[in-house]
Amino acid sequence: MTQRKTPVRVFVTPDVHSRLLIQVGTHHTTPSMLGEAIIRDGLDRLERGDVPPLNTGSAPASASES
């Protein structure tokens, strides 16, 4: 039995929307499926205490700094 899903509405800038669509095409998925995967991943990170990705006013560390 498939669990019923609740829709979530998210507003993003045109730049973020373009990036989302590029990733949808790259990974042969749909915007809805990719959005759900991104939300699940983000929630998992937050629940583990990984909060630096949240925009709290400080710039995130670049990959070369980590």
N, C-alpha and C. Protein backbone atom coordinates (compact mmCIF):
# COMPACT_ATOMS: atom_id res chain seq x y z
N MET A 1 0.83 -1.17 0.00
CA MET A 1 0.00 0.00 0.00
C MET A 1 0.88 1.25 0.00
N THR A 2 0.63 2.17 -0.90
CA THR A 2 1.39 3.41 -0.99
C THR A 2 0.86 4.43 0.00
N GLN A 3 1.78 5.04 0.72
CA GLN A 3 1.39 6.06 1.69
C GLN A 3 1.01 7.33 0.95
N ARG A 4 -0.07 7.95 1.37
CA ARG A 4 -0.52 9.19 0.76
C ARG A 4 0.46 10.30 1.11
N LYS A 5 0.79 11.13 0.14
CA LYS A 5 1.73 12.21 0.35
C LYS A 5 1.00 13.54 0.44
N THR A 6 1.55 14.45 1.23
CA THR A 6 1.00 15.79 1.39
C THR A 6 1.82 16.76 0.56
N PRO A 7 1.19 17.58 -0.26
CA PRO A 7 1.96 18.53 -1.07
C PRO A 7 2.60 19.62 -0.21
N VAL A 8 3.77 20.05 -0.64
CA VAL A 8 4.49 21.14 0.00
C VAL A 8 4.80 22.17 -1.07
N ARG A 9 4.52 23.41 -0.79
CA ARG A 9 4.78 24.46 -1.76
C ARG A 9 6.00 25.25 -1.31
N VAL A 10 6.96 25.39 -2.22
CA VAL A 10 8.21 26.08 -1.93
C VAL A 10 8.44 27.14 -2.99
N PHE A 11 8.83 28.33 -2.55
CA PHE A 11 9.14 29.41 -3.48
C PHE A 11 10.64 29.61 -3.52
N VAL A 12 11.20 29.59 -4.71
CA VAL A 12 12.64 29.75 -4.89
C VAL A 12 12.91 30.83 -5.93
N THR A 13 14.12 31.33 -5.93
CA THR A 13 14.52 32.33 -6.92
C THR A 13 14.64 31.66 -8.29
N PRO A 14 14.58 32.43 -9.36
CA PRO A 14 14.75 31.85 -10.70
C PRO A 14 16.07 31.09 -10.85
N ASP A 15 17.13 31.58 -10.21
CA ASP A 15 18.42 30.90 -10.29
C ASP A 15 18.36 29.50 -9.67
N VAL A 16 17.75 29.41 -8.50
CA VAL A 16 17.61 28.11 -7.83
C VAL A 16 16.71 27.19 -8.65
N HIS A 17 15.67 27.74 -9.23
CA HIS A 17 14.76 26.94 -10.06
C HIS A 17 15.50 26.37 -11.27
N SER A 18 16.33 27.19 -11.90
CA SER A 18 17.11 26.72 -13.05
C SER A 18 18.05 25.60 -12.64
N ARG A 19 18.71 25.77 -11.49
CA ARG A 19 19.62 24.73 -11.01
C ARG A 19 18.86 23.43 -10.73
N LEU A 20 17.67 23.54 -10.16
CA LEU A 20 16.85 22.37 -9.89
C LEU A 20 16.51 21.64 -11.19
N LEU A 21 16.10 22.39 -12.20
CA LEU A 21 15.73 21.77 -13.47
C LEU A 21 16.93 21.11 -14.16
N ILE A 22 18.11 21.72 -14.02
CA ILE A 22 19.31 21.10 -14.58
C ILE A 22 19.57 19.76 -13.91
N GLN A 23 19.45 19.71 -12.59
CA GLN A 23 19.67 18.46 -11.86
C GLN A 23 18.60 17.42 -12.18
N VAL A 24 17.38 17.87 -12.39
CA VAL A 24 16.29 16.95 -12.79
C VAL A 24 16.66 16.27 -14.10
N GLY A 25 17.12 17.05 -15.06
CA GLY A 25 17.51 16.48 -16.35
C GLY A 25 18.73 15.59 -16.24
N THR A 26 19.70 16.01 -15.45
CA THR A 26 20.94 15.24 -15.28
C THR A 26 20.66 13.88 -14.66
N HIS A 27 19.75 13.83 -13.72
CA HIS A 27 19.50 12.59 -12.99
C HIS A 27 18.23 11.87 -13.45
N HIS A 28 17.66 12.33 -14.57
CA HIS A 28 16.50 11.66 -15.19
C HIS A 28 15.38 11.39 -14.18
N THR A 29 14.95 12.44 -13.50
CA THR A 29 13.89 12.33 -12.50
C THR A 29 12.87 13.43 -12.76
N THR A 30 11.99 13.66 -11.82
CA THR A 30 11.01 14.74 -11.94
C THR A 30 11.31 15.79 -10.87
N PRO A 31 10.85 17.03 -11.08
CA PRO A 31 11.06 18.04 -10.04
C PRO A 31 10.49 17.61 -8.68
N SER A 32 9.36 16.94 -8.70
CA SER A 32 8.73 16.50 -7.46
C SER A 32 9.60 15.45 -6.75
N MET A 33 10.09 14.48 -7.50
CA MET A 33 10.91 13.43 -6.90
C MET A 33 12.23 13.99 -6.37
N LEU A 34 12.85 14.89 -7.13
CA LEU A 34 14.10 15.47 -6.68
C LEU A 34 13.87 16.36 -5.46
N GLY A 35 12.79 17.14 -5.48
CA GLY A 35 12.47 17.98 -4.34
C GLY A 35 12.26 17.16 -3.08
N GLU A 36 11.56 16.04 -3.21
CA GLU A 36 11.33 15.18 -2.05
C GLU A 36 12.66 14.62 -1.52
N ALA A 37 13.54 14.22 -2.44
CA ALA A 37 14.83 13.68 -2.02
C ALA A 37 15.67 14.75 -1.31
N ILE A 38 15.63 15.97 -1.82
CA ILE A 38 16.37 17.07 -1.20
C ILE A 38 15.82 17.37 0.19
N ILE A 39 14.51 17.40 0.32
CA ILE A 39 13.89 17.67 1.62
C ILE A 39 14.22 16.56 2.61
N ARG A 40 14.13 15.31 2.18
CA ARG A 40 14.46 14.19 3.08
C ARG A 40 15.91 14.28 3.55
N ASP A 41 16.83 14.56 2.61
CA ASP A 41 18.24 14.66 2.95
C ASP A 41 18.47 15.81 3.93
N GLY A 42 17.84 16.94 3.67
CA GLY A 42 17.99 18.09 4.56
C GLY A 42 17.45 17.81 5.95
N LEU A 43 16.30 17.17 6.03
CA LEU A 43 15.74 16.82 7.34
C LEU A 43 16.63 15.84 8.10
N ASP A 44 17.16 14.83 7.37
CA ASP A 44 18.07 13.88 8.01
C ASP A 44 19.28 14.60 8.58
N ARG A 45 19.84 15.55 7.83
CA ARG A 45 21.01 16.30 8.30
C ARG A 45 20.67 17.13 9.53
N LEU A 46 19.54 17.82 9.48
CA LEU A 46 19.14 18.65 10.63
C LEU A 46 18.92 17.80 11.87
N GLU A 47 18.29 16.64 11.70
CA GLU A 47 18.02 15.77 12.84
C GLU A 47 19.31 15.20 13.44
N ARG A 48 20.37 15.15 12.63
CA ARG A 48 21.68 14.70 13.14
C ARG A 48 22.45 15.86 13.77
N GLY A 49 21.90 17.07 13.69
CA GLY A 49 22.57 18.23 14.26
C GLY A 49 23.45 18.98 13.29
N ASP A 50 23.39 18.63 12.01
CA ASP A 50 24.19 19.28 10.98
C ASP A 50 23.47 20.56 10.54
N VAL A 51 23.63 21.63 11.31
CA VAL A 51 22.90 22.86 11.02
C VAL A 51 23.67 23.92 10.24
N PRO A 52 24.99 23.80 10.04
CA PRO A 52 25.69 24.84 9.28
C PRO A 52 25.13 25.11 7.87
N PRO A 53 24.54 24.13 7.18
CA PRO A 53 23.99 24.45 5.86
C PRO A 53 22.84 25.47 5.91
N LEU A 54 22.23 25.65 7.08
CA LEU A 54 21.18 26.66 7.18
C LEU A 54 21.80 28.03 7.04
N ASN A 55 21.17 28.91 6.30
CA ASN A 55 21.69 30.25 6.11
C ASN A 55 21.41 31.07 7.36
N THR A 56 22.39 31.16 8.25
CA THR A 56 22.21 31.90 9.49
C THR A 56 22.98 33.21 9.46
N GLY A 57 23.36 33.65 8.26
CA GLY A 57 24.08 34.91 8.15
C GLY A 57 25.57 34.74 7.99
N SER A 58 26.10 33.58 8.33
CA SER A 58 27.53 33.35 8.15
C SER A 58 27.73 32.57 6.86
N ALA A 59 28.82 32.86 6.20
CA ALA A 59 29.11 32.20 4.93
C ALA A 59 29.55 30.77 5.19
N PRO A 60 29.06 29.81 4.40
CA PRO A 60 29.50 28.42 4.58
C PRO A 60 30.95 28.26 4.15
N ALA A 61 31.63 27.31 4.77
CA ALA A 61 33.01 27.04 4.41
C ALA A 61 33.07 26.44 3.02
N SER A 62 34.05 26.82 2.25
CA SER A 62 34.21 26.25 0.92
C SER A 62 34.78 24.85 1.04
N ALA A 63 34.69 24.09 -0.05
CA ALA A 63 35.17 22.72 -0.03
C ALA A 63 36.68 22.66 0.26
N SER A 64 37.44 23.68 -0.16
CA SER A 64 38.87 23.67 0.06
C SER A 64 39.23 23.93 1.52
N GLU A 65 38.32 24.53 2.29
CA GLU A 65 38.59 24.82 3.69
C GLU A 65 38.25 23.66 4.61
N SER A 66 37.49 22.68 4.13
CA SER A 66 37.08 21.59 5.01
C SER A 66 38.05 20.46 5.01
